[in-house]
Amino acid sequence: MPVIAIVLFCHFLTAFTALGMPLFLPRMLTSLGLADSGYLVGAMFVLPTVCTALTAPWWGRFADRFGKKTSLLRAQAGLVLGFLLSGFADSVWLFALGLMVQGVSGGTLAASNAYLSRLYGGKALAHSLNLTQCSARLALVCAPIVLGLFTHLSEPLQIYRALALLPLLALLICSFLPGDGDQAMPTAGAGPAADKADAPTRMQTGTEIGTGTAFSHLLWLQFLFCFAMVVTFPYFLPYSEQLGVGSDALSGFYYSLPHLVYLLLAFHTKKLSLSPQLQSRLGLGLLGISCLGQFLLPGSEGLLWLRLLFGLGIVLSYSGLHLLVSQSLNHKAAGLSFGRFDAWGKWAGVMAGLAASGVSQLGNLQWPFLLAALSCGAGLFVLIFSFKEVQDHACTVP
């Protein structure tokens, strides 16, 4: 089986619990004796994300020093420990400690991407980054449905205990992957040699990042894109009810639709001949139009098309952004690069959750979509003025 298939499968196993369980935090806290857990749900929801954002760059340096495979195994082992702590918690504080361990020791997305960077380069690496997003979105779609069947147990924390087996299985499988000291599998489009082979093509199409462009511009682009995407998530269900969507099941379908679009189209993005800059601009433009449309939408008519447009914007934004990252990557410091990149996405998620809560209280449930549209506009500003399509040299990550 190809290495990338193994890494993607194991990432799905780890993401299944981490992305699926937060939806059921109110029930988990109630089982610990909190009759009114509303004030704690928001804090518990962002706690693992904040911990990951704080520690991801440090774990990136760890990966560069001790090996990408070692860091991947470390992340999976951390999730096993965190899930077990949460599963056997007999107090809110021990449950919170489990969530903190999940955040501090997790970061499997960045660890998986850093490991894949030792095998792939250029467009092949960008495509592999798109696929790790596929495994995350597949978990995001499947996990709430599957886990929802078991959350009515008398002791719902038992779910964490059982699901600790998933990252444990991933750990056992990944232990057989080639280490950093082993010779990488010969893979089409892999490694720095492939980058050199692709260089004439990239220069002809003008897709290199301009000389001197700081990696911080990529981090800001990641932040603005993730903020625009995530700020619309927390209050989507009551927003759809306000529009007159008839049932929770239909609201759930509209919520999941962009992720389904990504799963259907992400495998085909490698066929696109558009430059990374143009893909990113189109993606953020479509995402911004979709969010502005949902902000102005008077009823549920047209919501289906706007959600499809939202999904297409995510596909093109990720594809362009991942191409820009793959072109600017310093493979010797790939762990730190992906750690920082992941951390900025996590901070965007935290800020998006806080912003969505604030504007929904001050305005109405449509205001998060206006924030998303404005964030897309800021991302387009960064793209237009910071990423020039030239035919010189690609920048490297400091």
Protein backbone atom coordinates (compact mmCIF):
# COMPACT_ATOMS: atom_id res chain seq x y z
CA MET A 1 0.00 0.00 0.00
CA PRO A 2 1.41 3.48 -0.84
CA VAL A 3 2.79 5.41 2.12
CA ILE A 4 0.41 8.33 1.53
CA ALA A 5 -2.61 6.00 1.78
CA ILE A 6 -1.36 4.71 5.14
CA VAL A 7 -0.75 8.24 6.46
CA LEU A 8 -4.18 9.43 5.30
CA PHE A 9 -5.94 6.44 6.87
CA CYS A 10 -4.15 6.96 10.17
CA HIS A 11 -4.91 10.69 10.10
CA PHE A 12 -8.59 9.86 9.62
CA LEU A 13 -8.47 7.57 12.66
CA THR A 14 -7.02 10.31 14.85
CA ALA A 15 -9.26 13.06 13.46
CA PHE A 16 -12.45 11.01 13.89
CA THR A 17 -12.59 11.47 17.67
CA ALA A 18 -10.86 14.86 17.87
CA LEU A 19 -13.30 16.46 15.40
CA GLY A 20 -16.42 14.49 16.27
CA MET A 21 -16.60 14.63 20.07
CA PRO A 22 -16.59 18.44 20.63
CA LEU A 23 -20.14 18.57 19.24
CA PHE A 24 -21.28 16.53 22.25
CA LEU A 25 -19.43 18.46 24.97
CA PRO A 26 -22.68 19.60 26.68
CA ARG A 27 -23.69 15.97 27.24
CA MET A 28 -20.20 15.07 28.48
CA LEU A 29 -20.20 17.89 31.04
CA THR A 30 -23.73 17.05 32.19
CA SER A 31 -22.59 13.47 32.86
CA LEU A 32 -19.96 14.92 35.24
CA GLY A 33 -22.67 16.50 37.37
CA LEU A 34 -22.99 19.97 35.88
CA ALA A 35 -26.68 20.78 35.57
CA ASP A 36 -25.91 24.06 33.80
CA SER A 37 -22.83 23.54 31.65
CA GLY A 38 -23.49 26.34 29.18
CA TYR A 39 -20.84 28.67 30.56
CA LEU A 40 -18.15 25.98 30.29
CA VAL A 41 -18.97 24.56 26.87
CA GLY A 42 -17.33 27.41 24.96
CA ALA A 43 -14.17 27.28 27.09
CA MET A 44 -13.88 23.49 26.75
CA PHE A 45 -14.52 23.73 23.02
CA VAL A 46 -11.53 25.99 22.35
CA LEU A 47 -9.21 24.56 25.04
CA PRO A 48 -7.58 21.83 22.86
CA THR A 49 -7.28 24.23 19.92
CA VAL A 50 -5.54 26.88 22.01
CA CYS A 51 -3.13 24.28 23.40
CA THR A 52 -2.33 23.02 19.89
CA ALA A 53 -1.79 26.55 18.61
CA LEU A 54 0.61 27.31 21.46
CA THR A 55 2.69 24.14 21.09
CA ALA A 56 2.60 23.40 17.33
CA PRO A 57 5.75 25.44 16.44
CA TRP A 58 7.67 23.76 19.28
CA TRP A 59 6.64 20.30 18.08
CA GLY A 60 7.67 21.39 14.59
CA ARG A 61 11.20 22.02 15.84
CA PHE A 62 11.04 18.65 17.60
CA ALA A 63 10.21 16.98 14.27
CA ASP A 64 13.11 18.67 12.48
CA ARG A 65 15.54 17.63 15.21
CA PHE A 66 14.35 14.11 16.11
CA GLY A 67 12.59 13.03 12.91
CA LYS A 68 9.24 13.42 11.18
CA LYS A 69 8.17 9.84 11.93
CA THR A 70 9.06 10.23 15.62
CA SER A 71 6.91 13.36 15.80
CA LEU A 72 4.00 11.61 14.07
CA LEU A 73 4.14 8.71 16.54
CA ARG A 74 4.42 11.23 19.40
CA ALA A 75 1.24 13.02 18.29
CA GLN A 76 -0.73 9.78 18.06
CA ALA A 77 0.49 8.60 21.48
CA GLY A 78 -0.53 11.96 22.95
CA LEU A 79 -4.07 11.53 21.66
CA VAL A 80 -4.28 8.04 23.20
CA LEU A 81 -3.29 9.48 26.59
CA GLY A 82 -5.63 12.47 26.24
CA PHE A 83 -8.64 10.35 25.27
CA LEU A 84 -8.03 7.97 28.19
CA LEU A 85 -7.76 10.85 30.67
CA SER A 86 -11.06 12.29 29.40
CA GLY A 87 -12.71 8.87 29.33
CA PHE A 88 -11.84 8.02 32.95
CA ALA A 89 -12.43 11.54 34.29
CA ASP A 90 -14.52 11.79 37.45
CA SER A 91 -14.45 15.59 37.62
CA VAL A 92 -14.62 18.53 35.26
CA TRP A 93 -10.99 19.41 36.00
CA LEU A 94 -9.67 15.95 35.09
CA PHE A 95 -11.79 16.06 31.92
CA ALA A 96 -10.27 19.46 31.11
CA LEU A 97 -6.80 18.01 31.70
CA GLY A 98 -7.58 15.31 29.14
CA LEU A 99 -8.59 17.96 26.62
CA MET A 100 -5.39 19.90 27.31
CA VAL A 101 -3.27 16.79 26.74
CA GLN A 102 -5.12 16.20 23.46
CA GLY A 103 -4.23 19.73 22.38
CA VAL A 104 -0.66 19.86 23.66
CA SER A 105 0.32 16.39 22.42
CA GLY A 106 -1.82 16.36 19.29
CA GLY A 107 -1.20 18.23 16.08
CA THR A 108 -1.50 15.13 13.90
CA LEU A 109 -2.32 17.21 10.80
CA ALA A 110 0.95 19.15 10.96
CA ALA A 111 2.87 15.98 11.88
CA SER A 112 1.35 14.07 8.95
CA ASN A 113 2.11 16.89 6.51
CA ALA A 114 5.69 17.18 7.74
CA TYR A 115 6.18 13.43 7.31
CA LEU A 116 4.78 13.53 3.77
CA SER A 117 7.14 16.40 2.90
CA ARG A 118 10.07 13.98 3.12
CA LEU A 119 8.54 11.98 0.27
CA TYR A 120 6.93 14.64 -1.91
CA GLY A 121 7.80 18.02 -3.35
CA GLY A 122 6.23 20.66 -5.59
CA LYS A 123 2.80 19.86 -6.98
CA ALA A 124 2.90 16.33 -5.57
CA LEU A 125 3.33 17.73 -2.05
CA ALA A 126 0.54 20.27 -2.60
CA HIS A 127 -1.76 17.44 -3.72
CA SER A 128 -0.87 15.39 -0.63
CA LEU A 129 -1.76 18.41 1.56
CA ASN A 130 -5.14 18.58 -0.18
CA LEU A 131 -5.66 14.89 0.62
CA THR A 132 -4.89 15.29 4.33
CA GLN A 133 -7.63 17.92 4.35
CA CYS A 134 -9.86 15.28 2.72
CA SER A 135 -9.28 12.85 5.59
CA ALA A 136 -10.07 15.62 8.09
CA ARG A 137 -13.28 16.56 6.30
CA LEU A 138 -14.35 12.94 5.95
CA ALA A 139 -13.98 12.64 9.72
CA LEU A 140 -15.90 15.90 10.20
CA VAL A 141 -18.80 14.55 8.12
CA CYS A 142 -18.86 10.98 9.47
CA ALA A 143 -17.96 11.38 13.14
CA PRO A 144 -20.98 13.41 14.38
CA ILE A 145 -23.37 10.95 12.72
CA VAL A 146 -21.68 7.81 14.09
CA LEU A 147 -20.89 9.16 17.55
CA GLY A 148 -24.39 10.59 17.88
CA LEU A 149 -25.69 7.02 18.06
CA PHE A 150 -23.82 6.44 21.34
CA THR A 151 -23.97 9.73 23.23
CA HIS A 152 -27.19 8.71 25.03
CA LEU A 153 -25.32 6.07 27.07
CA SER A 154 -25.70 6.42 30.83
CA GLU A 155 -21.92 7.12 30.98
CA PRO A 156 -21.14 8.87 27.68
CA LEU A 157 -17.48 9.40 28.71
CA GLN A 158 -17.01 5.70 27.96
CA ILE A 159 -16.95 6.72 24.30
CA TYR A 160 -13.57 8.39 24.86
CA ARG A 161 -12.20 5.16 26.33
CA ALA A 162 -13.30 3.10 23.35
CA LEU A 163 -12.16 5.67 20.80
CA ALA A 164 -8.67 5.76 22.33
CA LEU A 165 -8.20 2.54 20.34
CA LEU A 166 -8.29 4.53 17.07
CA PRO A 167 -5.13 6.62 17.60
CA LEU A 168 -3.55 3.53 19.20
CA LEU A 169 -4.23 1.60 15.98
CA ALA A 170 -2.80 4.52 13.98
CA LEU A 171 0.30 4.47 16.20
CA LEU A 172 0.85 0.76 15.60
CA ILE A 173 0.38 1.08 11.84
CA CYS A 174 2.65 4.13 11.50
CA SER A 175 5.39 2.44 13.51
CA PHE A 176 6.05 0.34 10.38
CA LEU A 177 6.46 3.38 8.10
CA PRO A 178 9.96 4.28 6.85
CA GLY A 179 11.86 6.50 9.26
CA ASP A 180 13.73 9.67 8.42
CA GLY A 181 16.99 7.73 8.25
CA ASP A 182 15.52 5.22 5.80
CA GLN A 183 15.61 5.78 2.08
CA ALA A 184 12.33 7.32 0.98
CA MET A 185 10.16 5.33 -1.37
CA PRO A 186 10.61 6.33 -5.01
CA THR A 187 7.49 8.36 -5.67
CA ALA A 188 6.51 10.34 -8.74
CA GLY A 189 6.97 14.03 -8.09
CA ALA A 190 8.74 13.46 -4.80
CA GLY A 191 11.42 15.43 -3.07
CA PRO A 192 13.70 18.30 -4.03
CA ALA A 193 14.77 16.60 -7.26
CA ALA A 194 11.20 16.72 -8.45
CA ASP A 195 11.06 20.41 -7.54
CA LYS A 196 14.04 21.03 -9.86
CA ALA A 197 12.42 18.96 -12.59
CA ASP A 198 9.23 20.96 -12.26
CA ALA A 199 11.04 24.30 -12.30
CA PRO A 200 10.90 24.89 -16.09
CA THR A 201 7.16 24.26 -16.06
CA ARG A 202 6.63 26.60 -13.14
CA MET A 203 8.68 29.32 -14.77
CA GLN A 204 6.74 29.02 -17.99
CA THR A 205 3.43 29.34 -16.20
CA GLY A 206 4.69 32.06 -13.86
CA THR A 207 3.62 30.39 -10.62
CA GLU A 208 6.62 31.11 -8.44
CA ILE A 209 6.26 33.27 -5.37
CA GLY A 210 8.07 36.56 -5.76
CA THR A 211 11.59 36.85 -4.47
CA GLY A 212 11.73 38.27 -0.93
CA THR A 213 8.12 37.42 -0.10
CA ALA A 214 8.13 36.64 3.62
CA PHE A 215 6.65 33.41 4.92
CA SER A 216 4.61 35.60 7.25
CA HIS A 217 2.43 36.55 4.26
CA LEU A 218 1.52 32.87 3.84
CA LEU A 219 0.71 32.65 7.54
CA TRP A 220 -1.60 35.68 7.31
CA LEU A 221 -3.26 34.16 4.26
CA GLN A 222 -3.80 30.93 6.19
CA PHE A 223 -5.22 32.89 9.13
CA LEU A 224 -7.66 34.93 7.04
CA PHE A 225 -8.86 31.93 5.04
CA CYS A 226 -9.39 29.75 8.12
CA PHE A 227 -11.11 32.59 9.95
CA ALA A 228 -13.52 33.13 7.04
CA MET A 229 -14.33 29.43 6.93
CA VAL A 230 -14.67 28.72 10.66
CA VAL A 231 -16.51 31.87 11.78
CA THR A 232 -19.61 30.61 9.94
CA PHE A 233 -19.64 27.22 11.70
CA PRO A 234 -20.73 27.73 15.37
CA TYR A 235 -24.16 29.25 14.76
CA PHE A 236 -25.06 27.71 11.42
CA LEU A 237 -27.84 25.48 12.80
CA PRO A 238 -29.82 28.31 14.46
CA TYR A 239 -29.06 30.50 11.42
CA SER A 240 -30.63 27.93 9.10
CA GLU A 241 -33.64 27.63 11.39
CA GLN A 242 -34.02 31.42 11.23
CA LEU A 243 -34.12 31.14 7.43
CA GLY A 244 -36.95 28.62 7.66
CA VAL A 245 -35.11 25.36 6.95
CA GLY A 246 -37.65 22.73 7.87
CA SER A 247 -35.73 20.18 9.95
CA ASP A 248 -32.50 19.55 11.84
CA ALA A 249 -31.61 16.85 9.34
CA LEU A 250 -31.85 19.30 6.44
CA SER A 251 -29.89 21.91 8.39
CA GLY A 252 -27.21 19.28 8.99
CA PHE A 253 -27.13 18.54 5.28
CA TYR A 254 -26.60 22.22 4.43
CA TYR A 255 -23.88 22.42 7.10
CA SER A 256 -22.02 19.40 5.69
CA LEU A 257 -22.50 20.23 2.01
CA PRO A 258 -19.29 22.31 1.54
CA HIS A 259 -17.26 19.50 3.11
CA LEU A 260 -18.88 16.99 0.76
CA VAL A 261 -18.01 19.24 -2.20
CA TYR A 262 -14.40 19.28 -1.01
CA LEU A 263 -14.33 15.48 -0.74
CA LEU A 264 -15.67 15.15 -4.28
CA LEU A 265 -13.38 17.67 -5.96
CA ALA A 266 -10.11 17.74 -3.99
CA PHE A 267 -8.77 14.63 -5.74
CA HIS A 268 -9.03 16.42 -9.10
CA THR A 269 -7.31 19.70 -8.23
CA LYS A 270 -3.93 18.38 -9.43
CA LYS A 271 -5.32 18.56 -12.98
CA LEU A 272 -5.76 22.34 -12.74
CA SER A 273 -3.30 24.37 -14.81
CA LEU A 274 -4.09 27.69 -13.11
CA SER A 275 -1.33 29.38 -11.10
CA PRO A 276 -1.45 29.09 -7.29
CA GLN A 277 -2.15 32.82 -7.04
CA LEU A 278 -5.09 32.64 -9.44
CA GLN A 279 -6.53 29.56 -7.72
CA SER A 280 -6.29 31.30 -4.35
CA ARG A 281 -7.91 34.48 -5.68
CA LEU A 282 -10.76 32.57 -7.30
CA GLY A 283 -11.23 30.50 -4.15
CA LEU A 284 -11.35 33.46 -1.78
CA GLY A 285 -13.52 35.39 -4.24
CA LEU A 286 -16.09 32.60 -4.49
CA LEU A 287 -16.00 32.04 -0.74
CA GLY A 288 -16.52 35.75 -0.10
CA ILE A 289 -19.44 35.96 -2.57
CA SER A 290 -21.05 32.91 -0.96
CA CYS A 291 -20.71 34.38 2.55
CA LEU A 292 -22.04 37.77 1.44
CA GLY A 293 -24.98 36.01 -0.20
CA GLN A 294 -25.74 34.07 2.99
CA PHE A 295 -25.54 37.32 4.98
CA LEU A 296 -28.13 38.94 2.69
CA LEU A 297 -30.30 35.84 2.22
CA PRO A 298 -33.92 36.55 3.29
CA GLY A 299 -35.06 32.91 3.28
CA SER A 300 -33.93 29.36 2.62
CA GLU A 301 -34.38 29.72 -1.17
CA GLY A 302 -30.96 29.85 -2.74
CA LEU A 303 -29.16 28.45 0.32
CA LEU A 304 -28.32 25.23 -1.55
CA TRP A 305 -26.46 27.07 -4.32
CA LEU A 306 -24.64 29.35 -1.90
CA ARG A 307 -23.45 26.35 0.14
CA LEU A 308 -22.22 24.67 -3.07
CA LEU A 309 -20.36 27.89 -3.93
CA PHE A 310 -18.94 27.92 -0.40
CA GLY A 311 -17.56 24.41 -0.95
CA LEU A 312 -16.04 25.31 -4.32
CA GLY A 313 -14.36 28.32 -2.73
CA ILE A 314 -12.82 26.07 -0.06
CA VAL A 315 -11.51 23.66 -2.72
CA LEU A 316 -9.79 26.35 -4.79
CA SER A 317 -8.50 28.24 -1.74
CA TYR A 318 -6.88 25.16 -0.24
CA SER A 319 -5.47 24.07 -3.60
CA GLY A 320 -3.85 27.45 -4.27
CA LEU A 321 -2.64 27.89 -0.71
CA HIS A 322 -1.07 24.44 -0.60
CA LEU A 323 0.72 25.08 -3.89
CA LEU A 324 2.14 28.31 -2.49
CA VAL A 325 3.30 26.44 0.63
CA SER A 326 4.90 23.61 -1.36
CA GLN A 327 6.80 26.10 -3.54
CA SER A 328 8.12 28.05 -0.55
CA LEU A 329 8.97 25.08 1.66
CA ASN A 330 12.43 24.58 3.09
CA HIS A 331 12.45 20.77 3.39
CA LYS A 332 15.15 20.83 6.09
CA ALA A 333 12.81 22.84 8.33
CA ALA A 334 9.52 21.27 7.18
CA GLY A 335 8.45 20.39 10.73
CA LEU A 336 8.71 23.98 11.95
CA SER A 337 7.10 25.30 8.78
CA PHE A 338 4.04 23.07 9.06
CA GLY A 339 3.90 23.61 12.81
CA ARG A 340 3.69 27.38 12.36
CA PHE A 341 1.25 27.01 9.46
CA ASP A 342 -1.03 24.79 11.54
CA ALA A 343 -0.75 27.07 14.57
CA TRP A 344 -1.96 30.10 12.62
CA GLY A 345 -4.93 28.09 11.37
CA LYS A 346 -5.72 27.07 14.95
CA TRP A 347 -5.49 30.66 16.22
CA ALA A 348 -7.83 31.67 13.40
CA GLY A 349 -10.30 29.05 14.62
CA VAL A 350 -10.14 30.36 18.19
CA MET A 351 -10.61 33.97 17.11
CA ALA A 352 -13.41 32.96 14.74
CA GLY A 353 -15.31 31.23 17.54
CA LEU A 354 -15.01 34.26 19.81
CA ALA A 355 -15.96 36.65 17.00
CA ALA A 356 -18.98 34.57 15.99
CA SER A 357 -20.22 34.53 19.56
CA GLY A 358 -19.75 38.29 19.95
CA VAL A 359 -21.40 39.45 16.73
CA SER A 360 -24.27 36.98 17.12
CA GLN A 361 -25.07 38.50 20.50
CA LEU A 362 -24.70 42.10 19.35
CA GLY A 363 -26.24 41.75 15.90
CA ASN A 364 -27.98 38.65 14.59
CA LEU A 365 -27.15 35.16 13.37
CA GLN A 366 -26.27 36.41 9.88
CA TRP A 367 -23.43 38.67 11.00
CA PRO A 368 -20.76 35.91 11.12
CA PHE A 369 -21.17 35.58 7.34
CA LEU A 370 -20.42 39.30 6.93
CA LEU A 371 -17.24 38.83 9.00
CA ALA A 372 -16.31 35.91 6.74
CA ALA A 373 -16.82 38.00 3.60
CA LEU A 374 -14.66 40.79 5.03
CA SER A 375 -11.93 38.28 5.92
CA CYS A 376 -11.99 36.96 2.35
CA GLY A 377 -11.58 40.52 1.11
CA ALA A 378 -8.55 41.01 3.37
CA GLY A 379 -7.12 37.72 2.05
CA LEU A 380 -7.53 38.93 -1.52
CA PHE A 381 -5.70 42.14 -0.57
CA VAL A 382 -2.77 40.07 0.77
CA LEU A 383 -2.73 37.93 -2.38
CA ILE A 384 -2.80 40.84 -4.81
CA PHE A 385 -0.14 42.96 -3.11
CA SER A 386 2.15 40.33 -1.53
CA PHE A 387 2.26 37.48 -4.06
CA LYS A 388 3.57 38.49 -7.46
CA GLU A 389 3.60 36.06 -10.36
CA VAL A 390 7.19 36.31 -11.52
CA GLN A 391 9.64 34.01 -13.21
CA ASP A 392 12.53 34.30 -10.82
CA HIS A 393 13.09 32.35 -7.62
CA ALA A 394 10.78 30.82 -5.04
CA CYS A 395 11.11 32.13 -1.54
CA THR A 396 12.09 29.78 1.25
CA VAL A 397 10.72 29.47 4.73
CA PRO A 398 12.98 31.15 7.24
